Amino acid sequence: MHGVKRLLWWLLSGSSGGFNRGRILEALWAQPYNANELSKKVNLDYKTVRHHIQVLEKNNLITHTGSGYGIMYFPSDLLEKNEEFFHEIWGKIGKKKK
């Protein structure tokens, strides 16, 4: 199995909070958001969103531009190159929990 695919399985399905990380990634595919906008979009507490952002950035799945309150988040180059893995995994697990 491809390394990025394993990483996505673990972060989205095999670890606590995976479903919420999937929702955040799904939102970022549509458009960039700052943390406050993301919290409203996915209906989660701001601090929870910040935690998931840190996990996703640590694992090189999202990136940001800007600073302070205006930081905008985007899918990383690594995630964009492996977009099919995200959609495959999210298609299997995301629909089950919605």
N, C-alpha and C. Protein backbone atom coordinates (compact mmCIF):
# COMPACT_ATOMS: atom_id res chain seq x y z
N MET A 1 0.86 -1.18 0.00
CA MET A 1 0.00 0.00 0.00
C MET A 1 0.90 1.24 0.00
N HIS A 2 0.51 2.22 -0.76
CA HIS A 2 1.23 3.48 -0.85
C HIS A 2 1.29 4.16 0.52
N GLY A 3 2.42 4.80 0.82
CA GLY A 3 2.62 5.44 2.12
C GLY A 3 1.60 6.52 2.45
N VAL A 4 1.23 7.34 1.48
CA VAL A 4 0.25 8.40 1.71
C VAL A 4 -1.12 7.78 1.96
N LYS A 5 -1.43 6.71 1.27
CA LYS A 5 -2.71 6.04 1.48
C LYS A 5 -2.78 5.47 2.90
N ARG A 6 -1.69 4.87 3.37
CA ARG A 6 -1.64 4.36 4.76
C ARG A 6 -1.84 5.50 5.75
N LEU A 7 -1.16 6.61 5.50
CA LEU A 7 -1.27 7.78 6.37
C LEU A 7 -2.72 8.27 6.43
N LEU A 8 -3.35 8.38 5.28
CA LEU A 8 -4.75 8.84 5.25
C LEU A 8 -5.68 7.87 5.97
N TRP A 9 -5.49 6.57 5.76
CA TRP A 9 -6.31 5.60 6.48
C TRP A 9 -6.17 5.79 7.99
N TRP A 10 -4.93 5.96 8.44
CA TRP A 10 -4.71 6.12 9.87
C TRP A 10 -5.32 7.42 10.40
N LEU A 11 -5.07 8.53 9.70
CA LEU A 11 -5.56 9.83 10.18
C LEU A 11 -7.08 9.99 10.08
N LEU A 12 -7.70 9.31 9.13
CA LEU A 12 -9.14 9.48 8.93
C LEU A 12 -9.98 8.38 9.57
N SER A 13 -9.41 7.21 9.71
CA SER A 13 -10.20 6.08 10.20
C SER A 13 -9.62 5.41 11.43
N GLY A 14 -8.31 5.42 11.54
CA GLY A 14 -7.67 4.65 12.60
C GLY A 14 -7.32 5.41 13.85
N SER A 15 -7.62 6.68 13.89
CA SER A 15 -7.27 7.47 15.07
C SER A 15 -8.46 8.33 15.51
N SER A 16 -8.44 8.70 16.76
CA SER A 16 -9.51 9.53 17.32
C SER A 16 -9.60 10.85 16.56
N GLY A 17 -10.79 11.27 16.22
CA GLY A 17 -10.99 12.54 15.54
C GLY A 17 -10.86 12.46 14.03
N GLY A 18 -10.67 11.26 13.52
CA GLY A 18 -10.47 11.10 12.08
C GLY A 18 -11.61 11.61 11.23
N PHE A 19 -12.83 11.36 11.68
CA PHE A 19 -13.98 11.81 10.90
C PHE A 19 -13.98 13.33 10.76
N ASN A 20 -13.66 14.03 11.85
CA ASN A 20 -13.61 15.50 11.78
C ASN A 20 -12.47 15.98 10.90
N ARG A 21 -11.33 15.29 10.92
CA ARG A 21 -10.24 15.66 10.02
C ARG A 21 -10.68 15.48 8.56
N GLY A 22 -11.42 14.42 8.29
CA GLY A 22 -11.93 14.21 6.94
C GLY A 22 -12.86 15.33 6.51
N ARG A 23 -13.71 15.77 7.41
CA ARG A 23 -14.63 16.87 7.09
C ARG A 23 -13.86 18.16 6.80
N ILE A 24 -12.80 18.39 7.55
CA ILE A 24 -11.96 19.57 7.32
C ILE A 24 -11.29 19.49 5.95
N LEU A 25 -10.71 18.33 5.63
CA LEU A 25 -10.07 18.18 4.32
C LEU A 25 -11.09 18.33 3.20
N GLU A 26 -12.26 17.76 3.38
CA GLU A 26 -13.32 17.88 2.37
C GLU A 26 -13.67 19.35 2.13
N ALA A 27 -13.78 20.12 3.21
CA ALA A 27 -14.09 21.55 3.08
C ALA A 27 -12.97 22.28 2.34
N LEU A 28 -11.72 21.93 2.65
CA LEU A 28 -10.59 22.63 2.02
C LEU A 28 -10.42 22.29 0.55
N TRP A 29 -10.97 21.15 0.11
CA TRP A 29 -10.95 20.86 -1.33
C TRP A 29 -11.82 21.85 -2.08
N ALA A 30 -12.89 22.30 -1.45
CA ALA A 30 -13.81 23.22 -2.10
C ALA A 30 -13.24 24.63 -2.18
N GLN A 31 -12.61 25.08 -1.09
CA GLN A 31 -12.03 26.42 -1.06
C GLN A 31 -11.18 26.58 0.18
N PRO A 32 -10.25 27.55 0.19
CA PRO A 32 -9.45 27.79 1.38
C PRO A 32 -10.29 28.48 2.46
N TYR A 33 -9.94 28.20 3.70
CA TYR A 33 -10.61 28.81 4.84
C TYR A 33 -9.58 29.16 5.90
N ASN A 34 -9.92 30.12 6.78
CA ASN A 34 -9.14 30.30 7.99
C ASN A 34 -9.78 29.42 9.07
N ALA A 35 -9.15 29.32 10.23
CA ALA A 35 -9.63 28.40 11.26
C ALA A 35 -11.04 28.75 11.73
N ASN A 36 -11.34 30.03 11.87
CA ASN A 36 -12.66 30.44 12.31
C ASN A 36 -13.73 30.06 11.29
N GLU A 37 -13.45 30.31 10.02
CA GLU A 37 -14.39 29.93 8.96
C GLU A 37 -14.59 28.42 8.91
N LEU A 38 -13.49 27.68 9.08
CA LEU A 38 -13.58 26.22 9.08
C LEU A 38 -14.45 25.72 10.23
N SER A 39 -14.29 26.34 11.41
CA SER A 39 -15.09 25.90 12.56
C SER A 39 -16.58 26.08 12.29
N LYS A 40 -16.93 27.15 11.60
CA LYS A 40 -18.33 27.37 11.24
C LYS A 40 -18.78 26.40 10.14
N LYS A 41 -17.91 26.18 9.16
CA LYS A 41 -18.25 25.31 8.04
C LYS A 41 -18.51 23.87 8.48
N VAL A 42 -17.68 23.36 9.37
CA VAL A 42 -17.81 21.96 9.80
C VAL A 42 -18.53 21.83 11.15
N ASN A 43 -18.98 22.96 11.68
CA ASN A 43 -19.76 22.99 12.93
C ASN A 43 -19.02 22.34 14.09
N LEU A 44 -17.77 22.78 14.29
CA LEU A 44 -16.96 22.32 15.41
C LEU A 44 -16.42 23.51 16.17
N ASP A 45 -16.10 23.30 17.42
CA ASP A 45 -15.49 24.31 18.26
C ASP A 45 -14.16 24.77 17.64
N TYR A 46 -13.87 26.05 17.74
CA TYR A 46 -12.65 26.63 17.17
C TYR A 46 -11.41 25.90 17.65
N LYS A 47 -11.32 25.62 18.95
CA LYS A 47 -10.14 24.95 19.50
C LYS A 47 -10.00 23.54 18.95
N THR A 48 -11.10 22.87 18.71
CA THR A 48 -11.07 21.53 18.12
C THR A 48 -10.53 21.60 16.70
N VAL A 49 -11.00 22.58 15.94
CA VAL A 49 -10.52 22.77 14.57
C VAL A 49 -9.02 23.07 14.57
N ARG A 50 -8.57 23.92 15.48
CA ARG A 50 -7.14 24.25 15.57
C ARG A 50 -6.32 22.99 15.84
N HIS A 51 -6.82 22.13 16.72
CA HIS A 51 -6.12 20.88 17.01
C HIS A 51 -5.98 20.03 15.75
N HIS A 52 -7.07 19.85 15.03
CA HIS A 52 -7.05 19.03 13.82
C HIS A 52 -6.17 19.66 12.73
N ILE A 53 -6.17 20.98 12.64
CA ILE A 53 -5.29 21.67 11.70
C ILE A 53 -3.83 21.35 12.03
N GLN A 54 -3.48 21.37 13.31
CA GLN A 54 -2.11 21.07 13.71
C GLN A 54 -1.73 19.64 13.32
N VAL A 55 -2.64 18.69 13.53
CA VAL A 55 -2.38 17.30 13.17
C VAL A 55 -2.18 17.17 11.66
N LEU A 56 -3.06 17.81 10.90
CA LEU A 56 -2.98 17.73 9.43
C LEU A 56 -1.73 18.41 8.90
N GLU A 57 -1.35 19.55 9.49
CA GLU A 57 -0.11 20.21 9.05
C GLU A 57 1.11 19.39 9.43
N LYS A 58 1.12 18.83 10.62
CA LYS A 58 2.25 18.01 11.07
C LYS A 58 2.48 16.84 10.12
N ASN A 59 1.41 16.33 9.55
CA ASN A 59 1.49 15.19 8.64
C ASN A 59 1.52 15.62 7.16
N ASN A 60 1.78 16.90 6.92
CA ASN A 60 1.97 17.46 5.57
C ASN A 60 0.77 17.26 4.65
N LEU A 61 -0.44 17.29 5.20
CA LEU A 61 -1.63 17.14 4.37
C LEU A 61 -2.29 18.47 4.06
N ILE A 62 -2.02 19.48 4.88
CA ILE A 62 -2.49 20.83 4.57
C ILE A 62 -1.33 21.79 4.76
N THR A 63 -1.47 22.95 4.17
CA THR A 63 -0.48 24.01 4.28
C THR A 63 -1.21 25.32 4.51
N HIS A 64 -0.49 26.35 4.83
CA HIS A 64 -1.14 27.64 5.06
C HIS A 64 -0.33 28.76 4.42
N THR A 65 -1.00 29.88 4.29
CA THR A 65 -0.35 31.11 3.86
C THR A 65 -0.93 32.24 4.69
N GLY A 66 -0.14 33.26 4.90
CA GLY A 66 -0.57 34.38 5.74
C GLY A 66 -0.08 34.21 7.16
N SER A 67 -0.56 35.10 8.03
CA SER A 67 -0.14 35.04 9.43
C SER A 67 -1.28 35.52 10.32
N GLY A 68 -1.14 35.18 11.60
CA GLY A 68 -2.13 35.59 12.59
C GLY A 68 -3.52 35.08 12.26
N TYR A 69 -4.50 35.92 12.55
CA TYR A 69 -5.90 35.54 12.34
C TYR A 69 -6.20 35.28 10.87
N GLY A 70 -5.43 35.88 9.98
CA GLY A 70 -5.69 35.77 8.54
C GLY A 70 -5.09 34.54 7.87
N ILE A 71 -4.52 33.62 8.63
CA ILE A 71 -3.93 32.42 8.02
C ILE A 71 -5.02 31.65 7.28
N MET A 72 -4.74 31.35 6.02
CA MET A 72 -5.65 30.56 5.20
C MET A 72 -5.04 29.19 4.98
N TYR A 73 -5.88 28.16 5.05
CA TYR A 73 -5.42 26.78 4.91
C TYR A 73 -5.85 26.20 3.57
N PHE A 74 -4.97 25.37 3.02
CA PHE A 74 -5.15 24.76 1.70
C PHE A 74 -4.69 23.30 1.76
N PRO A 75 -5.16 22.46 0.85
CA PRO A 75 -4.56 21.12 0.71
C PRO A 75 -3.09 21.29 0.32
N SER A 76 -2.22 20.46 0.88
CA SER A 76 -0.79 20.54 0.56
C SER A 76 -0.53 19.95 -0.83
N ASP A 77 0.67 20.20 -1.33
CA ASP A 77 1.07 19.61 -2.60
C ASP A 77 1.04 18.08 -2.51
N LEU A 78 1.48 17.54 -1.37
CA LEU A 78 1.46 16.10 -1.17
C LEU A 78 0.05 15.54 -1.28
N LEU A 79 -0.90 16.21 -0.63
CA LEU A 79 -2.28 15.74 -0.69
C LEU A 79 -2.85 15.89 -2.10
N GLU A 80 -2.56 17.01 -2.74
CA GLU A 80 -3.07 17.21 -4.10
C GLU A 80 -2.54 16.15 -5.06
N LYS A 81 -1.28 15.75 -4.89
CA LYS A 81 -0.70 14.71 -5.75
C LYS A 81 -1.32 13.35 -5.49
N ASN A 82 -1.92 13.19 -4.31
CA ASN A 82 -2.52 11.91 -3.93
C ASN A 82 -4.02 12.06 -3.66
N GLU A 83 -4.62 12.98 -4.38
CA GLU A 83 -6.04 13.29 -4.22
C GLU A 83 -6.92 12.05 -4.33
N GLU A 84 -6.60 11.15 -5.25
CA GLU A 84 -7.44 9.96 -5.44
C GLU A 84 -7.51 9.10 -4.19
N PHE A 85 -6.43 9.06 -3.40
CA PHE A 85 -6.44 8.28 -2.17
C PHE A 85 -7.42 8.88 -1.16
N PHE A 86 -7.38 10.22 -1.03
CA PHE A 86 -8.31 10.86 -0.10
C PHE A 86 -9.75 10.57 -0.51
N HIS A 87 -10.07 10.79 -1.76
CA HIS A 87 -11.45 10.61 -2.22
C HIS A 87 -11.89 9.15 -2.11
N GLU A 88 -10.99 8.22 -2.37
CA GLU A 88 -11.31 6.80 -2.23
C GLU A 88 -11.64 6.45 -0.78
N ILE A 89 -10.78 6.88 0.13
CA ILE A 89 -10.98 6.58 1.55
C ILE A 89 -12.18 7.32 2.10
N TRP A 90 -12.28 8.60 1.80
CA TRP A 90 -13.39 9.41 2.32
C TRP A 90 -14.72 8.92 1.75
N GLY A 91 -14.70 8.46 0.52
CA GLY A 91 -15.91 7.89 -0.09
C GLY A 91 -16.40 6.66 0.66
N LYS A 92 -15.48 5.91 1.25
CA LYS A 92 -15.84 4.72 2.00
C LYS A 92 -16.28 5.03 3.42
N ILE A 93 -15.58 5.92 4.08
CA ILE A 93 -15.87 6.15 5.50
C ILE A 93 -16.69 7.40 5.77
N GLY A 94 -16.58 8.41 4.94
CA GLY A 94 -17.28 9.67 5.18
C GLY A 94 -18.78 9.54 5.04
N LYS A 95 -19.22 8.77 4.08
CA LYS A 95 -20.67 8.62 3.83
C LYS A 95 -21.34 7.79 4.91
N LYS A 96 -20.61 6.90 5.54
CA LYS A 96 -21.18 6.06 6.58
C LYS A 96 -21.58 6.85 7.81
N LYS A 97 -20.86 7.95 8.08
CA LYS A 97 -21.07 8.68 9.32
C LYS A 97 -21.91 9.93 9.15
N LYS A 98 -22.20 10.29 7.92
CA LYS A 98 -22.96 11.54 7.69
C LYS A 98 -24.41 11.36 8.04
